[in-house]
Amino acid sequence: MSEFKEKINEVLKSMNYSFDDLAGHLGMNSEQLNQAIDNKKLELRTLEFISKELRIPLYSFFRKEDFVPLNNMPEEPFYINSINTDALNQLQIENSLLKKEVDNLKEQLIKCEKKMKKFL
């Protein structure tokens, strides 16, 4: 399986979609999409459709994972997903840790409010 298709499948899996689902959204069957990928005959507009469907930037198909953007690049990505699954996994871990911290702060706030009510 090509690296390109593996990356697409990783993003699809994270979104709970299958390769067949993607092919259907592109107006193809999975065999046609497989052939186009394997023969490296995807049209640019098909890549654009895949990019939009997966909500990943089109340039990520061509960029190496160790790419460091220039300082004038926006900090917030235009799309939510990234074809770089390591970065996506890191963001998910950070998001989970932040949610736990927020929950902890909420608990502390409730305790403080209870203490304050005793004095009022």
PDB file of N, CA and C in Angstrom:
ATOM      1  N   MET A   1       0.847  -1.173   0.000  1.00  0.00           N
ATOM      2  CA  MET A   1       0.000   0.000   0.000  1.00  0.00           C
ATOM      3  C   MET A   1       0.894   1.238   0.000  1.00  0.00           C
ATOM      4  N   SER A   2       0.516   2.213  -0.773  1.00  0.00           N
ATOM      5  CA  SER A   2       1.340   3.415  -0.872  1.00  0.00           C
ATOM      6  C   SER A   2       1.258   4.238   0.414  1.00  0.00           C
ATOM      7  N   GLU A   3       2.310   5.013   0.649  1.00  0.00           N
ATOM      8  CA  GLU A   3       2.349   5.881   1.829  1.00  0.00           C
ATOM      9  C   GLU A   3       1.195   6.881   1.798  1.00  0.00           C
ATOM     10  N   PHE A   4       0.894   7.364   0.594  1.00  0.00           N
ATOM     11  CA  PHE A   4      -0.208   8.302   0.405  1.00  0.00           C
ATOM     12  C   PHE A   4      -1.529   7.686   0.872  1.00  0.00           C
ATOM     13  N   LYS A   5      -1.785   6.463   0.428  1.00  0.00           N
ATOM     14  CA  LYS A   5      -3.041   5.806   0.803  1.00  0.00           C
ATOM     15  C   LYS A   5      -3.063   5.478   2.291  1.00  0.00           C
ATOM     16  N   GLU A   6      -1.940   5.097   2.862  1.00  0.00           N
ATOM     17  CA  GLU A   6      -1.868   4.822   4.295  1.00  0.00           C
ATOM     18  C   GLU A   6      -2.238   6.059   5.098  1.00  0.00           C
ATOM     19  N   LYS A   7      -1.710   7.205   4.695  1.00  0.00           N
ATOM     20  CA  LYS A   7      -2.026   8.448   5.399  1.00  0.00           C
ATOM     21  C   LYS A   7      -3.501   8.788   5.272  1.00  0.00           C
ATOM     22  N   ILE A   8      -4.048   8.604   4.095  1.00  0.00           N
ATOM     23  CA  ILE A   8      -5.479   8.859   3.896  1.00  0.00           C
ATOM     24  C   ILE A   8      -6.294   7.939   4.799  1.00  0.00           C
ATOM     25  N   ASN A   9      -5.927   6.663   4.843  1.00  0.00           N
ATOM     26  CA  ASN A   9      -6.658   5.713   5.683  1.00  0.00           C
ATOM     27  C   ASN A   9      -6.560   6.054   7.166  1.00  0.00           C
ATOM     28  N   GLU A  10      -5.415   6.572   7.610  1.00  0.00           N
ATOM     29  CA  GLU A  10      -5.264   6.977   9.014  1.00  0.00           C
ATOM     30  C   GLU A  10      -6.220   8.117   9.352  1.00  0.00           C
ATOM     31  N   VAL A  11      -6.302   9.102   8.445  1.00  0.00           N
ATOM     32  CA  VAL A  11      -7.211  10.226   8.682  1.00  0.00           C
ATOM     33  C   VAL A  11      -8.656   9.739   8.645  1.00  0.00           C
ATOM     34  N   LEU A  12      -8.977   8.890   7.680  1.00  0.00           N
ATOM     35  CA  LEU A  12     -10.332   8.336   7.590  1.00  0.00           C
ATOM     36  C   LEU A  12     -10.701   7.594   8.868  1.00  0.00           C
ATOM     37  N   LYS A  13      -9.777   6.797   9.371  1.00  0.00           N
ATOM     38  CA  LYS A  13     -10.023   6.025  10.594  1.00  0.00           C
ATOM     39  C   LYS A  13     -10.303   6.960  11.771  1.00  0.00           C
ATOM     40  N   SER A  14      -9.539   8.040  11.885  1.00  0.00           N
ATOM     41  CA  SER A  14      -9.741   8.985  12.982  1.00  0.00           C
ATOM     42  C   SER A  14     -11.095   9.680  12.881  1.00  0.00           C
ATOM     43  N   MET A  15     -11.666   9.717  11.674  1.00  0.00           N
ATOM     44  CA  MET A  15     -12.966  10.355  11.456  1.00  0.00           C
ATOM     45  C   MET A  15     -14.103   9.332  11.420  1.00  0.00           C
ATOM     46  N   ASN A  16     -13.767   8.061  11.645  1.00  0.00           N
ATOM     47  CA  ASN A  16     -14.746   6.957  11.590  1.00  0.00           C
ATOM     48  C   ASN A  16     -15.379   6.809  10.207  1.00  0.00           C
ATOM     49  N   TYR A  17     -14.561   6.987   9.169  1.00  0.00           N
ATOM     50  CA  TYR A  17     -14.984   6.769   7.792  1.00  0.00           C
ATOM     51  C   TYR A  17     -14.110   5.697   7.172  1.00  0.00           C
ATOM     52  N   SER A  18     -14.619   5.094   6.111  1.00  0.00           N
ATOM     53  CA  SER A  18     -13.847   4.067   5.415  1.00  0.00           C
ATOM     54  C   SER A  18     -13.373   4.615   4.066  1.00  0.00           C
ATOM     55  N   PHE A  19     -12.465   3.876   3.472  1.00  0.00           N
ATOM     56  CA  PHE A  19     -11.974   4.221   2.146  1.00  0.00           C
ATOM     57  C   PHE A  19     -13.128   4.177   1.143  1.00  0.00           C
ATOM     58  N   ASP A  20     -14.047   3.217   1.324  1.00  0.00           N
ATOM     59  CA  ASP A  20     -15.231   3.127   0.465  1.00  0.00           C
ATOM     60  C   ASP A  20     -16.098   4.383   0.581  1.00  0.00           C
ATOM     61  N   ASP A  21     -16.233   4.899   1.822  1.00  0.00           N
ATOM     62  CA  ASP A  21     -17.005   6.132   2.020  1.00  0.00           C
ATOM     63  C   ASP A  21     -16.392   7.287   1.226  1.00  0.00           C
ATOM     64  N   LEU A  22     -15.074   7.415   1.322  1.00  0.00           N
ATOM     65  CA  LEU A  22     -14.385   8.486   0.596  1.00  0.00           C
ATOM     66  C   LEU A  22     -14.594   8.333  -0.903  1.00  0.00           C
ATOM     67  N   ALA A  23     -14.405   7.137  -1.398  1.00  0.00           N
ATOM     68  CA  ALA A  23     -14.590   6.892  -2.837  1.00  0.00           C
ATOM     69  C   ALA A  23     -16.005   7.274  -3.269  1.00  0.00           C
ATOM     70  N   GLY A  24     -16.991   6.904  -2.458  1.00  0.00           N
ATOM     71  CA  GLY A  24     -18.380   7.245  -2.765  1.00  0.00           C
ATOM     72  C   GLY A  24     -18.600   8.748  -2.834  1.00  0.00           C
ATOM     73  N   HIS A  25     -18.003   9.491  -1.902  1.00  0.00           N
ATOM     74  CA  HIS A  25     -18.133  10.953  -1.913  1.00  0.00           C
ATOM     75  C   HIS A  25     -17.463  11.567  -3.142  1.00  0.00           C
ATOM     76  N   LEU A  26     -16.487  10.863  -3.681  1.00  0.00           N
ATOM     77  CA  LEU A  26     -15.796  11.355  -4.873  1.00  0.00           C
ATOM     78  C   LEU A  26     -16.470  10.906  -6.164  1.00  0.00           C
ATOM     79  N   GLY A  27     -17.557  10.131  -6.028  1.00  0.00           N
ATOM     80  CA  GLY A  27     -18.262   9.634  -7.208  1.00  0.00           C
ATOM     81  C   GLY A  27     -17.553   8.483  -7.883  1.00  0.00           C
ATOM     82  N   MET A  28     -16.788   7.721  -7.113  1.00  0.00           N
ATOM     83  CA  MET A  28     -16.038   6.572  -7.631  1.00  0.00           C
ATOM     84  C   MET A  28     -16.355   5.378  -6.742  1.00  0.00           C
ATOM     85  N   ASN A  29     -15.917   4.219  -7.195  1.00  0.00           N
ATOM     86  CA  ASN A  29     -15.925   3.090  -6.266  1.00  0.00           C
ATOM     87  C   ASN A  29     -14.495   2.937  -5.741  1.00  0.00           C
ATOM     88  N   SER A  30     -14.338   2.126  -4.711  1.00  0.00           N
ATOM     89  CA  SER A  30     -13.017   2.026  -4.076  1.00  0.00           C
ATOM     90  C   SER A  30     -11.962   1.459  -5.026  1.00  0.00           C
ATOM     91  N   GLU A  31     -12.385   0.594  -5.940  1.00  0.00           N
ATOM     92  CA  GLU A  31     -11.430   0.026  -6.903  1.00  0.00           C
ATOM     93  C   GLU A  31     -10.882   1.113  -7.827  1.00  0.00           C
ATOM     94  N   GLN A  32     -11.760   2.004  -8.291  1.00  0.00           N
ATOM     95  CA  GLN A  32     -11.318   3.096  -9.163  1.00  0.00           C
ATOM     96  C   GLN A  32     -10.365   4.035  -8.422  1.00  0.00           C
ATOM     97  N   LEU A  33     -10.710   4.343  -7.186  1.00  0.00           N
ATOM     98  CA  LEU A  33      -9.847   5.228  -6.403  1.00  0.00           C
ATOM     99  C   LEU A  33      -8.512   4.554  -6.110  1.00  0.00           C
ATOM    100  N   ASN A  34      -8.541   3.276  -5.781  1.00  0.00           N
ATOM    101  CA  ASN A  34      -7.301   2.511  -5.562  1.00  0.00           C
ATOM    102  C   ASN A  34      -6.413   2.551  -6.793  1.00  0.00           C
ATOM    103  N   GLN A  35      -7.020   2.313  -7.945  1.00  0.00           N
ATOM    104  CA  GLN A  35      -6.259   2.307  -9.203  1.00  0.00           C
ATOM    105  C   GLN A  35      -5.631   3.660  -9.467  1.00  0.00           C
ATOM    106  N   ALA A  36      -6.403   4.724  -9.256  1.00  0.00           N
ATOM    107  CA  ALA A  36      -5.889   6.075  -9.504  1.00  0.00           C
ATOM    108  C   ALA A  36      -4.710   6.376  -8.583  1.00  0.00           C
ATOM    109  N   ILE A  37      -4.819   5.953  -7.323  1.00  0.00           N
ATOM    110  CA  ILE A  37      -3.726   6.182  -6.375  1.00  0.00           C
ATOM    111  C   ILE A  37      -2.517   5.331  -6.742  1.00  0.00           C
ATOM    112  N   ASP A  38      -2.747   4.039  -6.990  1.00  0.00           N
ATOM    113  CA  ASP A  38      -1.640   3.130  -7.303  1.00  0.00           C
ATOM    114  C   ASP A  38      -0.917   3.518  -8.594  1.00  0.00           C
ATOM    115  N   ASN A  39      -1.666   3.995  -9.579  1.00  0.00           N
ATOM    116  CA  ASN A  39      -1.068   4.387 -10.862  1.00  0.00           C
ATOM    117  C   ASN A  39      -0.593   5.837 -10.862  1.00  0.00           C
ATOM    118  N   LYS A  40      -0.777   6.503  -9.726  1.00  0.00           N
ATOM    119  CA  LYS A  40      -0.392   7.917  -9.583  1.00  0.00           C
ATOM    120  C   LYS A  40      -1.031   8.764 -10.676  1.00  0.00           C
ATOM    121  N   LYS A  41      -2.333   8.531 -10.875  1.00  0.00           N
ATOM    122  CA  LYS A  41      -3.059   9.264 -11.904  1.00  0.00           C
ATOM    123  C   LYS A  41      -4.242  10.026 -11.315  1.00  0.00           C
ATOM    124  N   LEU A  42      -4.094  10.501 -10.077  1.00  0.00           N
ATOM    125  CA  LEU A  42      -5.136  11.326  -9.485  1.00  0.00           C
ATOM    126  C   LEU A  42      -5.061  12.722 -10.090  1.00  0.00           C
ATOM    127  N   GLU A  43      -6.192  13.231 -10.491  1.00  0.00           N
ATOM    128  CA  GLU A  43      -6.227  14.592 -11.006  1.00  0.00           C
ATOM    129  C   GLU A  43      -6.156  15.557  -9.826  1.00  0.00           C
ATOM    130  N   LEU A  44      -5.699  16.751 -10.094  1.00  0.00           N
ATOM    131  CA  LEU A  44      -5.586  17.755  -9.049  1.00  0.00           C
ATOM    132  C   LEU A  44      -6.942  18.023  -8.407  1.00  0.00           C
ATOM    133  N   ARG A  45      -7.989  18.075  -9.199  1.00  0.00           N
ATOM    134  CA  ARG A  45      -9.311  18.346  -8.624  1.00  0.00           C
ATOM    135  C   ARG A  45      -9.758  17.198  -7.717  1.00  0.00           C
ATOM    136  N   THR A  46      -9.333  15.954  -8.026  1.00  0.00           N
ATOM    137  CA  THR A  46      -9.652  14.825  -7.143  1.00  0.00           C
ATOM    138  C   THR A  46      -8.898  14.976  -5.823  1.00  0.00           C
ATOM    139  N   LEU A  47      -7.636  15.390  -5.905  1.00  0.00           N
ATOM    140  CA  LEU A  47      -6.880  15.667  -4.684  1.00  0.00           C
ATOM    141  C   LEU A  47      -7.554  16.776  -3.877  1.00  0.00           C
ATOM    142  N   GLU A  48      -8.068  17.790  -4.574  1.00  0.00           N
ATOM    143  CA  GLU A  48      -8.787  18.874  -3.893  1.00  0.00           C
ATOM    144  C   GLU A  48     -10.027  18.337  -3.190  1.00  0.00           C
ATOM    145  N   PHE A  49     -10.771  17.475  -3.862  1.00  0.00           N
ATOM    146  CA  PHE A  49     -11.968  16.896  -3.254  1.00  0.00           C
ATOM    147  C   PHE A  49     -11.607  16.062  -2.027  1.00  0.00           C
ATOM    148  N   ILE A  50     -10.534  15.275  -2.137  1.00  0.00           N
ATOM    149  CA  ILE A  50     -10.078  14.471  -1.000  1.00  0.00           C
ATOM    150  C   ILE A  50      -9.690  15.398   0.147  1.00  0.00           C
ATOM    151  N   SER A  51      -8.970  16.454  -0.176  1.00  0.00           N
ATOM    152  CA  SER A  51      -8.547  17.428   0.826  1.00  0.00           C
ATOM    153  C   SER A  51      -9.753  18.026   1.545  1.00  0.00           C
ATOM    154  N   LYS A  52     -10.743  18.420   0.793  1.00  0.00           N
ATOM    155  CA  LYS A  52     -11.945  19.014   1.390  1.00  0.00           C
ATOM    156  C   LYS A  52     -12.722  17.996   2.199  1.00  0.00           C
ATOM    157  N   GLU A  53     -12.847  16.802   1.681  1.00  0.00           N
ATOM    158  CA  GLU A  53     -13.604  15.755   2.370  1.00  0.00           C
ATOM    159  C   GLU A  53     -12.947  15.374   3.694  1.00  0.00           C
ATOM    160  N   LEU A  54     -11.621  15.290   3.698  1.00  0.00           N
ATOM    161  CA  LEU A  54     -10.886  14.911   4.912  1.00  0.00           C
ATOM    162  C   LEU A  54     -10.586  16.119   5.805  1.00  0.00           C
ATOM    163  N   ARG A  55     -10.865  17.319   5.264  1.00  0.00           N
ATOM    164  CA  ARG A  55     -10.612  18.562   5.983  1.00  0.00           C
ATOM    165  C   ARG A  55      -9.139  18.692   6.366  1.00  0.00           C
ATOM    166  N   ILE A  56      -8.291  18.424   5.380  1.00  0.00           N
ATOM    167  CA  ILE A  56      -6.846  18.619   5.537  1.00  0.00           C
ATOM    168  C   ILE A  56      -6.379  19.527   4.411  1.00  0.00           C
ATOM    169  N   PRO A  57      -5.346  20.316   4.641  1.00  0.00           N
ATOM    170  CA  PRO A  57      -4.876  21.204   3.579  1.00  0.00           C
ATOM    171  C   PRO A  57      -4.282  20.422   2.415  1.00  0.00           C
ATOM    172  N   LEU A  58      -4.531  20.893   1.218  1.00  0.00           N
ATOM    173  CA  LEU A  58      -4.055  20.231   0.007  1.00  0.00           C
ATOM    174  C   LEU A  58      -2.542  20.097  -0.003  1.00  0.00           C
ATOM    175  N   TYR A  59      -1.840  21.125   0.485  1.00  0.00           N
ATOM    176  CA  TYR A  59      -0.377  21.080   0.456  1.00  0.00           C
ATOM    177  C   TYR A  59       0.196  19.968   1.319  1.00  0.00           C
ATOM    178  N   SER A  60      -0.575  19.453   2.271  1.00  0.00           N
ATOM    179  CA  SER A  60      -0.039  18.411   3.158  1.00  0.00           C
ATOM    180  C   SER A  60       0.218  17.101   2.418  1.00  0.00           C
ATOM    181  N   PHE A  61      -0.364  16.932   1.231  1.00  0.00           N
ATOM    182  CA  PHE A  61      -0.076  15.741   0.435  1.00  0.00           C
ATOM    183  C   PHE A  61       1.357  15.769  -0.091  1.00  0.00           C
ATOM    184  N   PHE A  62       1.922  16.963  -0.211  1.00  0.00           N
ATOM    185  CA  PHE A  62       3.225  17.124  -0.841  1.00  0.00           C
ATOM    186  C   PHE A  62       4.330  17.512   0.133  1.00  0.00           C
ATOM    187  N   ARG A  63       3.972  17.823   1.347  1.00  0.00           N
ATOM    188  CA  ARG A  63       4.927  18.302   2.337  1.00  0.00           C
ATOM    189  C   ARG A  63       5.470  17.134   3.155  1.00  0.00           C
ATOM    190  N   LYS A  64       6.721  17.209   3.471  1.00  0.00           N
ATOM    191  CA  LYS A  64       7.328  16.211   4.342  1.00  0.00           C
ATOM    192  C   LYS A  64       6.901  16.510   5.771  1.00  0.00           C
ATOM    193  N   GLU A  65       6.806  15.454   6.610  1.00  0.00           N
ATOM    194  CA  GLU A  65       6.323  15.620   7.981  1.00  0.00           C
ATOM    195  C   GLU A  65       7.241  16.479   8.833  1.00  0.00           C
ATOM    196  N   ASP A  66       8.512  16.566   8.499  1.00  0.00           N
ATOM    197  CA  ASP A  66       9.439  17.343   9.310  1.00  0.00           C
ATOM    198  C   ASP A  66       9.524  18.805   8.860  1.00  0.00           C
ATOM    199  N   PHE A  67       8.607  19.224   7.980  1.00  0.00           N
ATOM    200  CA  PHE A  67       8.574  20.592   7.476  1.00  0.00           C
ATOM    201  C   PHE A  67       8.298  21.563   8.616  1.00  0.00           C
ATOM    202  N   VAL A  68       9.070  22.649   8.667  1.00  0.00           N
ATOM    203  CA  VAL A  68       8.855  23.702   9.659  1.00  0.00           C
ATOM    204  C   VAL A  68       8.406  24.937   8.896  1.00  0.00           C
ATOM    205  N   PRO A  69       7.173  25.442   9.172  1.00  0.00           N
ATOM    206  CA  PRO A  69       6.682  26.596   8.416  1.00  0.00           C
ATOM    207  C   PRO A  69       7.453  27.861   8.742  1.00  0.00           C
ATOM    208  N   LEU A  70       7.405  28.812   7.815  1.00  0.00           N
ATOM    209  CA  LEU A  70       8.046  30.103   8.018  1.00  0.00           C
ATOM    210  C   LEU A  70       7.298  30.882   9.094  1.00  0.00           C
ATOM    211  N   ASN A  71       7.939  31.886   9.633  1.00  0.00           N
ATOM    212  CA  ASN A  71       7.327  32.684  10.700  1.00  0.00           C
ATOM    213  C   ASN A  71       6.072  33.419  10.266  1.00  0.00           C
ATOM    214  N   ASN A  72       5.909  33.693   8.990  1.00  0.00           N
ATOM    215  CA  ASN A  72       4.742  34.437   8.539  1.00  0.00           C
ATOM    216  C   ASN A  72       3.527  33.538   8.276  1.00  0.00           C
ATOM    217  N   MET A  73       3.649  32.260   8.562  1.00  0.00           N
ATOM    218  CA  MET A  73       2.522  31.345   8.400  1.00  0.00           C
ATOM    219  C   MET A  73       1.569  31.541   9.567  1.00  0.00           C
ATOM    220  N   PRO A  74       0.246  31.400   9.347  1.00  0.00           N
ATOM    221  CA  PRO A  74      -0.701  31.550  10.452  1.00  0.00           C
ATOM    222  C   PRO A  74      -0.528  30.426  11.478  1.00  0.00           C
ATOM    223  N   GLU A  75      -0.741  30.755  12.732  1.00  0.00           N
ATOM    224  CA  GLU A  75      -0.615  29.747  13.787  1.00  0.00           C
ATOM    225  C   GLU A  75      -1.775  28.758  13.749  1.00  0.00           C
ATOM    226  N   GLU A  76      -2.956  29.250  13.433  1.00  0.00           N
ATOM    227  CA  GLU A  76      -4.136  28.401  13.383  1.00  0.00           C
ATOM    228  C   GLU A  76      -4.251  27.773  11.996  1.00  0.00           C
ATOM    229  N   PRO A  77      -4.350  26.449  11.910  1.00  0.00           N
ATOM    230  CA  PRO A  77      -4.512  25.822  10.599  1.00  0.00           C
ATOM    231  C   PRO A  77      -5.895  26.108  10.033  1.00  0.00           C
ATOM    232  N   PHE A  78      -5.986  26.205   8.726  1.00  0.00           N
ATOM    233  CA  PHE A  78      -7.269  26.450   8.079  1.00  0.00           C
ATOM    234  C   PHE A  78      -8.191  25.250   8.250  1.00  0.00           C
ATOM    235  N   TYR A  79      -7.618  24.077   8.139  1.00  0.00           N
ATOM    236  CA  TYR A  79      -8.394  22.862   8.297  1.00  0.00           C
ATOM    237  C   TYR A  79      -8.134  22.273   9.673  1.00  0.00           C
ATOM    238  N   ILE A  80      -9.063  21.475  10.147  1.00  0.00           N
ATOM    239  CA  ILE A  80      -8.955  20.883  11.480  1.00  0.00           C
ATOM    240  C   ILE A  80      -8.005  19.701  11.482  1.00  0.00           C
ATOM    241  N   ASN A  81      -8.108  18.846  10.510  1.00  0.00           N
ATOM    242  CA  ASN A  81      -7.300  17.629  10.490  1.00  0.00           C
ATOM    243  C   ASN A  81      -5.947  17.872   9.856  1.00  0.00           C
ATOM    244  N   SER A  82      -5.037  16.991  10.176  1.00  0.00           N
ATOM    245  CA  SER A  82      -3.699  17.060   9.615  1.00  0.00           C
ATOM    246  C   SER A  82      -3.338  15.688   9.087  1.00  0.00           C
ATOM    247  N   ILE A  83      -2.667  15.654   7.960  1.00  0.00           N
ATOM    248  CA  ILE A  83      -2.250  14.368   7.429  1.00  0.00           C
ATOM    249  C   ILE A  83      -1.092  13.818   8.253  1.00  0.00           C
ATOM    250  N   ASN A  84      -0.465  14.699   9.028  1.00  0.00           N
ATOM    251  CA  ASN A  84       0.602  14.292   9.930  1.00  0.00           C
ATOM    252  C   ASN A  84      -0.045  13.763  11.201  1.00  0.00           C
ATOM    253  N   THR A  85      -0.217  12.458  11.282  1.00  0.00           N
ATOM    254  CA  THR A  85      -0.958  11.862  12.394  1.00  0.00           C
ATOM    255  C   THR A  85      -0.237  12.013  13.723  1.00  0.00           C
ATOM    256  N   ASP A  86       1.092  12.129  13.725  1.00  0.00           N
ATOM    257  CA  ASP A  86       1.809  12.349  14.983  1.00  0.00           C
ATOM    258  C   ASP A  86       1.378  13.672  15.603  1.00  0.00           C
ATOM    259  N   ALA A  87       1.289  14.696  14.795  1.00  0.00           N
ATOM    260  CA  ALA A  87       0.859  16.005  15.290  1.00  0.00           C
ATOM    261  C   ALA A  87      -0.588  15.948  15.748  1.00  0.00           C
ATOM    262  N   LEU A  88      -1.420  15.241  14.996  1.00  0.00           N
ATOM    263  CA  LEU A  88      -2.832  15.099  15.371  1.00  0.00           C
ATOM    264  C   LEU A  88      -2.954  14.366  16.699  1.00  0.00           C
ATOM    265  N   ASN A  89      -2.207  13.290  16.868  1.00  0.00           N
ATOM    266  CA  ASN A  89      -2.237  12.554  18.128  1.00  0.00           C
ATOM    267  C   ASN A  89      -1.769  13.421  19.284  1.00  0.00           C
ATOM    268  N   GLN A  90      -0.732  14.212  19.069  1.00  0.00           N
ATOM    269  CA  GLN A  90      -0.222  15.108  20.117  1.00  0.00           C
ATOM    270  C   GLN A  90      -1.290  16.125  20.510  1.00  0.00           C
ATOM    271  N   LEU A  91      -1.989  16.689  19.527  1.00  0.00           N
ATOM    272  CA  LEU A  91      -3.053  17.643  19.820  1.00  0.00           C
ATOM    273  C   LEU A  91      -4.183  16.994  20.604  1.00  0.00           C
ATOM    274  N   GLN A  92      -4.526  15.763  20.263  1.00  0.00           N
ATOM    275  CA  GLN A  92      -5.578  15.063  20.984  1.00  0.00           C
ATOM    276  C   GLN A  92      -5.176  14.803  22.433  1.00  0.00           C
ATOM    277  N   ILE A  93      -3.922  14.454  22.654  1.00  0.00           N
ATOM    278  CA  ILE A  93      -3.427  14.237  24.020  1.00  0.00           C
ATOM    279  C   ILE A  93      -3.473  15.544  24.803  1.00  0.00           C
ATOM    280  N   GLU A  94      -2.989  16.617  24.182  1.00  0.00           N
ATOM    281  CA  GLU A  94      -3.004  17.917  24.852  1.00  0.00           C
ATOM    282  C   GLU A  94      -4.427  18.353  25.164  1.00  0.00           C
ATOM    283  N   ASN A  95      -5.347  18.118  24.243  1.00  0.00           N
ATOM    284  CA  ASN A  95      -6.742  18.469  24.441  1.00  0.00           C
ATOM    285  C   ASN A  95      -7.324  17.697  25.631  1.00  0.00           C
ATOM    286  N   SER A  96      -7.001  16.425  25.715  1.00  0.00           N
ATOM    287  CA  SER A  96      -7.478  15.594  26.821  1.00  0.00           C
ATOM    288  C   SER A  96      -6.937  16.100  28.157  1.00  0.00           C
ATOM    289  N   LEU A  97      -5.655  16.451  28.184  1.00  0.00           N
ATOM    290  CA  LEU A  97      -5.049  16.981  29.416  1.00  0.00           C
ATOM    291  C   LEU A  97      -5.675  18.314  29.817  1.00  0.00           C
ATOM    292  N   LEU A  98      -5.953  19.158  28.840  1.00  0.00           N
ATOM    293  CA  LEU A  98      -6.589  20.435  29.140  1.00  0.00           C
ATOM    294  C   LEU A  98      -7.997  20.245  29.696  1.00  0.00           C
ATOM    295  N   LYS A  99      -8.733  19.293  29.150  1.00  0.00           N
ATOM    296  CA  LYS A  99     -10.076  19.013  29.661  1.00  0.00           C
ATOM    297  C   LYS A  99     -10.018  18.554  31.114  1.00  0.00           C
ATOM    298  N   LYS A 100      -9.044  17.713  31.440  1.00  0.00           N
ATOM    299  CA  LYS A 100      -8.887  17.260  32.826  1.00  0.00           C
ATOM    300  C   LYS A 100      -8.556  18.431  33.739  1.00  0.00           C
ATOM    301  N   GLU A 101      -7.693  19.314  33.282  1.00  0.00           N
ATOM    302  CA  GLU A 101      -7.316  20.488  34.073  1.00  0.00           C
ATOM    303  C   GLU A 101      -8.522  21.392  34.307  1.00  0.00           C
ATOM    304  N   VAL A 102      -9.341  21.595  33.279  1.00  0.00           N
ATOM    305  CA  VAL A 102     -10.542  22.414  33.413  1.00  0.00           C
ATOM    306  C   VAL A 102     -11.491  21.770  34.417  1.00  0.00           C
ATOM    307  N   ASP A 103     -11.686  20.466  34.349  1.00  0.00           N
ATOM    308  CA  ASP A 103     -12.544  19.766  35.306  1.00  0.00           C
ATOM    309  C   ASP A 103     -12.024  19.925  36.733  1.00  0.00           C
ATOM    310  N   ASN A 104     -10.714  19.825  36.888  1.00  0.00           N
ATOM    311  CA  ASN A 104     -10.097  20.000  38.201  1.00  0.00           C
ATOM    312  C   ASN A 104     -10.334  21.418  38.728  1.00  0.00           C
ATOM    313  N   LEU A 105     -10.177  22.404  37.863  1.00  0.00           N
ATOM    314  CA  LEU A 105     -10.410  23.788  38.266  1.00  0.00           C
ATOM    315  C   LEU A 105     -11.874  24.028  38.642  1.00  0.00           C
ATOM    316  N   LYS A 106     -12.784  23.397  37.931  1.00  0.00           N
ATOM    317  CA  LYS A 106     -14.213  23.517  38.263  1.00  0.00           C
ATOM    318  C   LYS A 106     -14.486  22.960  39.659  1.00  0.00           C
ATOM    319  N   GLU A 107     -13.887  21.814  39.973  1.00  0.00           N
ATOM    320  CA  GLU A 107     -14.059  21.214  41.293  1.00  0.00           C
ATOM    321  C   GLU A 107     -13.519  22.146  42.380  1.00  0.00           C
ATOM    322  N   GLN A 108     -12.357  22.731  42.134  1.00  0.00           N
ATOM    323  CA  GLN A 108     -11.769  23.647  43.110  1.00  0.00           C
ATOM    324  C   GLN A 108     -12.643  24.883  43.298  1.00  0.00           C
ATOM    325  N   LEU A 109     -13.226  25.374  42.227  1.00  0.00           N
ATOM    326  CA  LEU A 109     -14.112  26.523  42.291  1.00  0.00           C
ATOM    327  C   LEU A 109     -15.346  26.217  43.136  1.00  0.00           C
ATOM    328  N   ILE A 110     -15.911  25.046  42.939  1.00  0.00           N
ATOM    329  CA  ILE A 110     -17.083  24.627  43.722  1.00  0.00           C
ATOM    330  C   ILE A 110     -16.736  24.577  45.207  1.00  0.00           C
ATOM    331  N   LYS A 111     -15.573  24.027  45.537  1.00  0.00           N
ATOM    332  CA  LYS A 111     -15.132  23.960  46.935  1.00  0.00           C
ATOM    333  C   LYS A 111     -14.970  25.358  47.524  1.00  0.00           C
ATOM    334  N   CYS A 112     -14.373  26.249  46.759  1.00  0.00           N
ATOM    335  CA  CYS A 112     -14.176  27.621  47.231  1.00  0.00           C
ATOM    336  C   CYS A 112     -15.518  28.324  47.442  1.00  0.00           C
ATOM    337  N   GLU A 113     -16.456  28.114  46.539  1.00  0.00           N
ATOM    338  CA  GLU A 113     -17.782  28.725  46.679  1.00  0.00           C
ATOM    339  C   GLU A 113     -18.486  28.221  47.934  1.00  0.00           C
ATOM    340  N   LYS A 114     -18.352  26.933  48.231  1.00  0.00           N
ATOM    341  CA  LYS A 114     -18.955  26.374  49.443  1.00  0.00           C
ATOM    342  C   LYS A 114     -18.350  27.004  50.691  1.00  0.00           C
ATOM    343  N   LYS A 115     -17.031  27.181  50.704  1.00  0.00           N
ATOM    344  CA  LYS A 115     -16.359  27.819  51.838  1.00  0.00           C
ATOM    345  C   LYS A 115     -16.822  29.259  52.004  1.00  0.00           C
ATOM    346  N   MET A 116     -16.982  29.960  50.891  1.00  0.00           N
ATOM    347  CA  MET A 116     -17.418  31.361  50.956  1.00  0.00           C
ATOM    348  C   MET A 116     -18.838  31.475  51.496  1.00  0.00           C
ATOM    349  N   LYS A 117     -19.708  30.536  51.164  1.00  0.00           N
ATOM    350  CA  LYS A 117     -21.083  30.566  51.644  1.00  0.00           C
ATOM    351  C   LYS A 117     -21.152  30.429  53.155  1.00  0.00           C
ATOM    352  N   LYS A 118     -20.186  29.711  53.755  1.00  0.00           N
ATOM    353  CA  LYS A 118     -20.145  29.572  55.206  1.00  0.00           C
ATOM    354  C   LYS A 118     -19.919  30.911  55.879  1.00  0.00           C
ATOM    355  N   PHE A 119     -19.189  31.810  55.244  1.00  0.00           N
ATOM    356  CA  PHE A 119     -18.871  33.108  55.833  1.00  0.00           C
ATOM    357  C   PHE A 119     -19.952  34.127  55.566  1.00  0.00           C
ATOM    358  N   LEU A 120     -20.841  33.873  54.664  1.00  0.00           N
ATOM    359  CA  LEU A 120     -21.897  34.857  54.327  1.00  0.00           C
ATOM    360  C   LEU A 120     -23.124  34.664  55.120  1.00  0.00           C
TER     361      LEU A 120
END
